[in-house]
Amino acid sequence: MWFTYILECEDKSLYTGCTNDLIRRFKQHSTGVGGKYTASHKPVKILFFEEHSTRSDALKRESQIKGWPHVKKLDFILSQNKPA
């Protein structure tokens, strides 16, 4: 199982990535070893994640989300967290 995720950083910026172990990856980002961006923009929480059956699907979704402007990402996150 693979995950595409969006993190909120201390400066309110958003980071999108994919992994097969969401908790481990968040810990890596939080300790500065998860990537160049999150080393200088400390993540504070996972705002969104979704599951994918393959790494390829997760990477495609990550790429799609990374192409969105900040406001669209926030609107998307809010729409996903609304009660049914």
N, C-alpha and C. Protein backbone atom coordinates (compact mmCIF):
# COMPACT_ATOMS: atom_id res chain seq x y z
N MET A 1 0.84 -1.18 0.00
CA MET A 1 0.00 0.00 0.00
C MET A 1 0.88 1.24 0.00
N TRP A 2 0.47 2.23 -0.79
CA TRP A 2 1.18 3.49 -0.91
C TRP A 2 0.25 4.64 -0.55
N PHE A 3 0.84 5.74 -0.12
CA PHE A 3 0.07 6.91 0.30
C PHE A 3 0.58 8.15 -0.43
N THR A 4 -0.34 9.01 -0.81
CA THR A 4 -0.03 10.37 -1.22
C THR A 4 -0.50 11.24 -0.06
N TYR A 5 0.32 12.22 0.34
CA TYR A 5 0.00 13.00 1.53
C TYR A 5 0.33 14.47 1.34
N ILE A 6 -0.31 15.29 2.15
CA ILE A 6 -0.02 16.73 2.19
C ILE A 6 0.26 17.10 3.65
N LEU A 7 1.40 17.73 3.86
CA LEU A 7 1.80 18.20 5.19
C LEU A 7 1.66 19.71 5.27
N GLU A 8 1.32 20.19 6.46
CA GLU A 8 1.38 21.62 6.74
C GLU A 8 2.68 21.89 7.48
N CYS A 9 3.41 22.91 7.04
CA CYS A 9 4.67 23.27 7.67
C CYS A 9 4.45 24.47 8.61
N GLU A 10 5.44 24.72 9.45
CA GLU A 10 5.34 25.80 10.44
C GLU A 10 5.00 27.15 9.81
N ASP A 11 5.49 27.39 8.61
CA ASP A 11 5.25 28.67 7.94
C ASP A 11 3.96 28.66 7.13
N LYS A 12 3.12 27.64 7.35
CA LYS A 12 1.82 27.47 6.67
C LYS A 12 1.96 27.04 5.20
N SER A 13 3.18 26.75 4.77
CA SER A 13 3.34 26.21 3.42
C SER A 13 2.90 24.75 3.45
N LEU A 14 2.68 24.19 2.27
CA LEU A 14 2.22 22.80 2.14
C LEU A 14 3.26 21.99 1.40
N TYR A 15 3.44 20.76 1.83
CA TYR A 15 4.37 19.84 1.18
C TYR A 15 3.60 18.60 0.79
N THR A 16 3.75 18.17 -0.46
CA THR A 16 3.08 16.97 -0.95
C THR A 16 4.12 15.91 -1.26
N GLY A 17 3.84 14.68 -0.85
CA GLY A 17 4.76 13.58 -1.12
C GLY A 17 4.04 12.26 -1.20
N CYS A 18 4.82 11.19 -1.37
CA CYS A 18 4.23 9.85 -1.33
C CYS A 18 5.20 8.91 -0.62
N THR A 19 4.65 7.85 -0.05
CA THR A 19 5.43 6.91 0.74
C THR A 19 4.65 5.61 0.91
N ASN A 20 5.34 4.58 1.36
CA ASN A 20 4.64 3.34 1.71
C ASN A 20 4.53 3.18 3.23
N ASP A 21 5.03 4.16 3.98
CA ASP A 21 4.93 4.15 5.45
C ASP A 21 4.75 5.60 5.92
N LEU A 22 3.51 6.00 6.07
CA LEU A 22 3.18 7.40 6.35
C LEU A 22 3.77 7.91 7.66
N ILE A 23 3.66 7.13 8.71
CA ILE A 23 4.16 7.56 10.03
C ILE A 23 5.68 7.70 10.01
N ARG A 24 6.37 6.70 9.46
CA ARG A 24 7.84 6.77 9.37
C ARG A 24 8.27 8.00 8.57
N ARG A 25 7.59 8.24 7.46
CA ARG A 25 7.96 9.35 6.59
C ARG A 25 7.72 10.70 7.28
N PHE A 26 6.61 10.82 7.99
CA PHE A 26 6.36 12.06 8.73
C PHE A 26 7.45 12.29 9.76
N LYS A 27 7.86 11.25 10.48
CA LYS A 27 8.93 11.38 11.46
C LYS A 27 10.23 11.81 10.80
N GLN A 28 10.51 11.25 9.61
CA GLN A 28 11.72 11.66 8.88
C GLN A 28 11.65 13.15 8.52
N HIS A 29 10.52 13.57 7.99
CA HIS A 29 10.37 14.99 7.66
C HIS A 29 10.53 15.86 8.91
N SER A 30 9.96 15.43 10.01
CA SER A 30 9.98 16.22 11.26
C SER A 30 11.37 16.35 11.85
N THR A 31 12.24 15.39 11.56
CA THR A 31 13.60 15.44 12.10
C THR A 31 14.62 15.98 11.11
N GLY A 32 14.14 16.45 9.96
CA GLY A 32 15.02 17.08 8.99
C GLY A 32 15.72 16.15 8.03
N VAL A 33 15.37 14.87 8.02
CA VAL A 33 16.02 13.92 7.11
C VAL A 33 15.05 13.43 6.02
N GLY A 34 13.89 14.05 5.93
CA GLY A 34 12.88 13.58 4.98
C GLY A 34 12.94 14.23 3.62
N GLY A 35 13.73 15.25 3.47
CA GLY A 35 13.82 15.93 2.19
C GLY A 35 14.34 17.34 2.37
N LYS A 36 14.80 17.91 1.28
CA LYS A 36 15.40 19.24 1.33
C LYS A 36 14.39 20.30 1.77
N TYR A 37 13.18 20.26 1.21
CA TYR A 37 12.18 21.28 1.54
C TYR A 37 11.79 21.22 3.02
N THR A 38 11.47 20.04 3.51
CA THR A 38 11.02 19.94 4.89
C THR A 38 12.16 20.08 5.90
N ALA A 39 13.38 20.01 5.43
CA ALA A 39 14.51 20.27 6.34
C ALA A 39 14.52 21.74 6.74
N SER A 40 14.05 22.62 5.84
CA SER A 40 14.04 24.04 6.15
C SER A 40 12.64 24.60 6.40
N HIS A 41 11.62 23.76 6.23
CA HIS A 41 10.23 24.13 6.50
C HIS A 41 9.63 23.02 7.36
N LYS A 42 9.83 23.11 8.65
CA LYS A 42 9.45 22.01 9.54
C LYS A 42 7.95 21.69 9.46
N PRO A 43 7.63 20.42 9.16
CA PRO A 43 6.22 20.04 9.12
C PRO A 43 5.64 19.92 10.53
N VAL A 44 4.37 20.33 10.66
CA VAL A 44 3.72 20.26 11.97
C VAL A 44 2.58 19.26 12.01
N LYS A 45 1.96 18.97 10.85
CA LYS A 45 0.90 17.96 10.86
C LYS A 45 0.59 17.46 9.45
N ILE A 46 -0.01 16.29 9.43
CA ILE A 46 -0.49 15.70 8.19
C ILE A 46 -1.91 16.23 7.99
N LEU A 47 -2.11 16.97 6.91
CA LEU A 47 -3.44 17.53 6.64
C LEU A 47 -4.32 16.57 5.85
N PHE A 48 -3.70 15.73 5.03
CA PHE A 48 -4.46 14.86 4.13
C PHE A 48 -3.59 13.69 3.72
N PHE A 49 -4.23 12.54 3.54
CA PHE A 49 -3.55 11.42 2.90
C PHE A 49 -4.60 10.55 2.23
N GLU A 50 -4.16 9.83 1.20
CA GLU A 50 -5.03 8.87 0.54
C GLU A 50 -4.20 7.65 0.17
N GLU A 51 -4.85 6.50 0.11
CA GLU A 51 -4.18 5.25 -0.16
C GLU A 51 -4.22 4.92 -1.65
N HIS A 52 -3.16 4.26 -2.10
CA HIS A 52 -3.06 3.79 -3.49
C HIS A 52 -2.51 2.37 -3.47
N SER A 53 -2.91 1.59 -4.44
CA SER A 53 -2.46 0.20 -4.49
C SER A 53 -1.05 0.06 -5.06
N THR A 54 -0.60 1.04 -5.83
CA THR A 54 0.74 0.95 -6.42
C THR A 54 1.51 2.25 -6.21
N ARG A 55 2.82 2.12 -6.26
CA ARG A 55 3.69 3.30 -6.15
C ARG A 55 3.44 4.24 -7.33
N SER A 56 3.25 3.66 -8.49
CA SER A 56 3.00 4.46 -9.69
C SER A 56 1.76 5.34 -9.54
N ASP A 57 0.69 4.77 -9.00
CA ASP A 57 -0.54 5.56 -8.79
C ASP A 57 -0.31 6.68 -7.78
N ALA A 58 0.43 6.39 -6.72
CA ALA A 58 0.72 7.40 -5.69
C ALA A 58 1.57 8.53 -6.27
N LEU A 59 2.56 8.19 -7.09
CA LEU A 59 3.41 9.21 -7.71
C LEU A 59 2.64 10.07 -8.69
N LYS A 60 1.74 9.46 -9.45
CA LYS A 60 0.92 10.23 -10.39
C LYS A 60 0.04 11.24 -9.64
N ARG A 61 -0.55 10.78 -8.54
CA ARG A 61 -1.41 11.67 -7.75
C ARG A 61 -0.59 12.78 -7.10
N GLU A 62 0.60 12.43 -6.59
CA GLU A 62 1.50 13.44 -6.00
C GLU A 62 1.81 14.52 -7.04
N SER A 63 2.14 14.10 -8.24
CA SER A 63 2.46 15.05 -9.30
C SER A 63 1.28 15.95 -9.63
N GLN A 64 0.09 15.36 -9.67
CA GLN A 64 -1.11 16.14 -9.94
C GLN A 64 -1.32 17.21 -8.87
N ILE A 65 -1.25 16.81 -7.61
CA ILE A 65 -1.49 17.73 -6.50
C ILE A 65 -0.41 18.81 -6.45
N LYS A 66 0.84 18.44 -6.70
CA LYS A 66 1.93 19.43 -6.68
C LYS A 66 1.72 20.52 -7.73
N GLY A 67 0.98 20.22 -8.79
CA GLY A 67 0.72 21.20 -9.82
C GLY A 67 -0.37 22.20 -9.47
N TRP A 68 -1.07 21.95 -8.39
CA TRP A 68 -2.16 22.84 -7.98
C TRP A 68 -1.61 24.05 -7.22
N PRO A 69 -2.28 25.20 -7.35
CA PRO A 69 -1.90 26.34 -6.50
C PRO A 69 -2.28 26.08 -5.03
N HIS A 70 -1.67 26.81 -4.15
CA HIS A 70 -1.87 26.65 -2.70
C HIS A 70 -3.35 26.68 -2.33
N VAL A 71 -4.09 27.63 -2.86
CA VAL A 71 -5.51 27.78 -2.52
C VAL A 71 -6.31 26.54 -2.95
N LYS A 72 -6.01 26.00 -4.11
CA LYS A 72 -6.72 24.79 -4.57
C LYS A 72 -6.43 23.61 -3.64
N LYS A 73 -5.19 23.49 -3.19
CA LYS A 73 -4.84 22.42 -2.25
C LYS A 73 -5.65 22.56 -0.96
N LEU A 74 -5.73 23.79 -0.44
CA LEU A 74 -6.49 24.01 0.80
C LEU A 74 -7.97 23.70 0.60
N ASP A 75 -8.54 24.14 -0.51
CA ASP A 75 -9.95 23.85 -0.81
C ASP A 75 -10.17 22.34 -0.92
N PHE A 76 -9.25 21.66 -1.55
CA PHE A 76 -9.35 20.20 -1.69
C PHE A 76 -9.32 19.52 -0.32
N ILE A 77 -8.39 19.94 0.52
CA ILE A 77 -8.27 19.35 1.86
C ILE A 77 -9.56 19.57 2.65
N LEU A 78 -10.08 20.79 2.60
CA LEU A 78 -11.33 21.09 3.31
C LEU A 78 -12.48 20.25 2.78
N SER A 79 -12.55 20.05 1.48
CA SER A 79 -13.64 19.27 0.91
C SER A 79 -13.55 17.80 1.30
N GLN A 80 -12.35 17.29 1.53
CA GLN A 80 -12.15 15.90 1.90
C GLN A 80 -12.44 15.65 3.37
N ASN A 81 -12.36 16.68 4.18
CA ASN A 81 -12.55 16.53 5.63
C ASN A 81 -13.95 16.87 6.11
N LYS A 82 -14.86 17.17 5.19
CA LYS A 82 -16.24 17.47 5.57
C LYS A 82 -16.98 16.18 5.90
N PRO A 83 -17.83 16.21 6.92
CA PRO A 83 -18.63 15.01 7.23
C PRO A 83 -19.60 14.71 6.10
N ALA A 84 -19.89 13.44 5.91
CA ALA A 84 -20.80 13.02 4.83
C ALA A 84 -22.23 13.41 5.13
